[in-house]
Amino acid sequence: MGTSFSLTGAEKKFLSRLARMSIEAGLVGKVVEAVPALPEVLDNPQSMLRRHLGGFVTISIENKLRGCIGSIVGQEPLYRNIWRMAASAAFSDPRFPPLRLEEWRNNPELEISVLDELTPCLNPEAIEVGRHGLVLQYQHQSGVFLPQVPVEQGWDRLSYLENLCTKAGVPKNSWQQPLARLFWFEALVFPA
């Protein structure tokens, strides 16, 4: 298993700039309906930026989570997805109040995670902490963790699975139940 794609330095730089532009537009009260166009040098049919990939944008201030929103499965080109997810992480994460201009002026850390395709995880023993992101679906509930989360939290594989259940709002051993659906993915993660 490994990501089925890579991004060039120019593509990462463009996504980083796009995420920051999206947040800055929201901070000054602009509603930008149209996502900025791809630069000509990156605009080609084979560009990874045009591929429908899931993506998350994470905002941290002083190493504390301040917002994280994403889509597990890409429903639109990656660059459009990152534009929307950046604004959502800044202003619509239900765990936090909307980001304020004063906070933005303190230069928060942004991280972009581009997700590869979800596939069923048939062998939970093969999960590698730090490599695999996970999605659990059980009893009409679901939870997701990006690959970097268990590393940041210091979890081993079992703690990772138990905390995934907790996030989904189901008992800690639910991942072992016959009707539980466990998926894994890898992600390309970079600072924005």
Foldseek 3Di string as FASTA:
>chain_A
DAFPDDADPVRVVLLQVLLVVLQVCVQVPHDDPDRDDDPPVQDDPPRLQFDQWKKKKWWADPNHTAFIDIDHTGPGGNSVRSSVRSCCRQPPRVVHHHHHPVRVVSPIWMKMKTWGDKDFDPDLVPDDQLFKKKWKDDPNFIFTDASCVCVVVVHDSLVVQQVRCVRRVHHSCRCVDPPMTMIIIGIDMDID
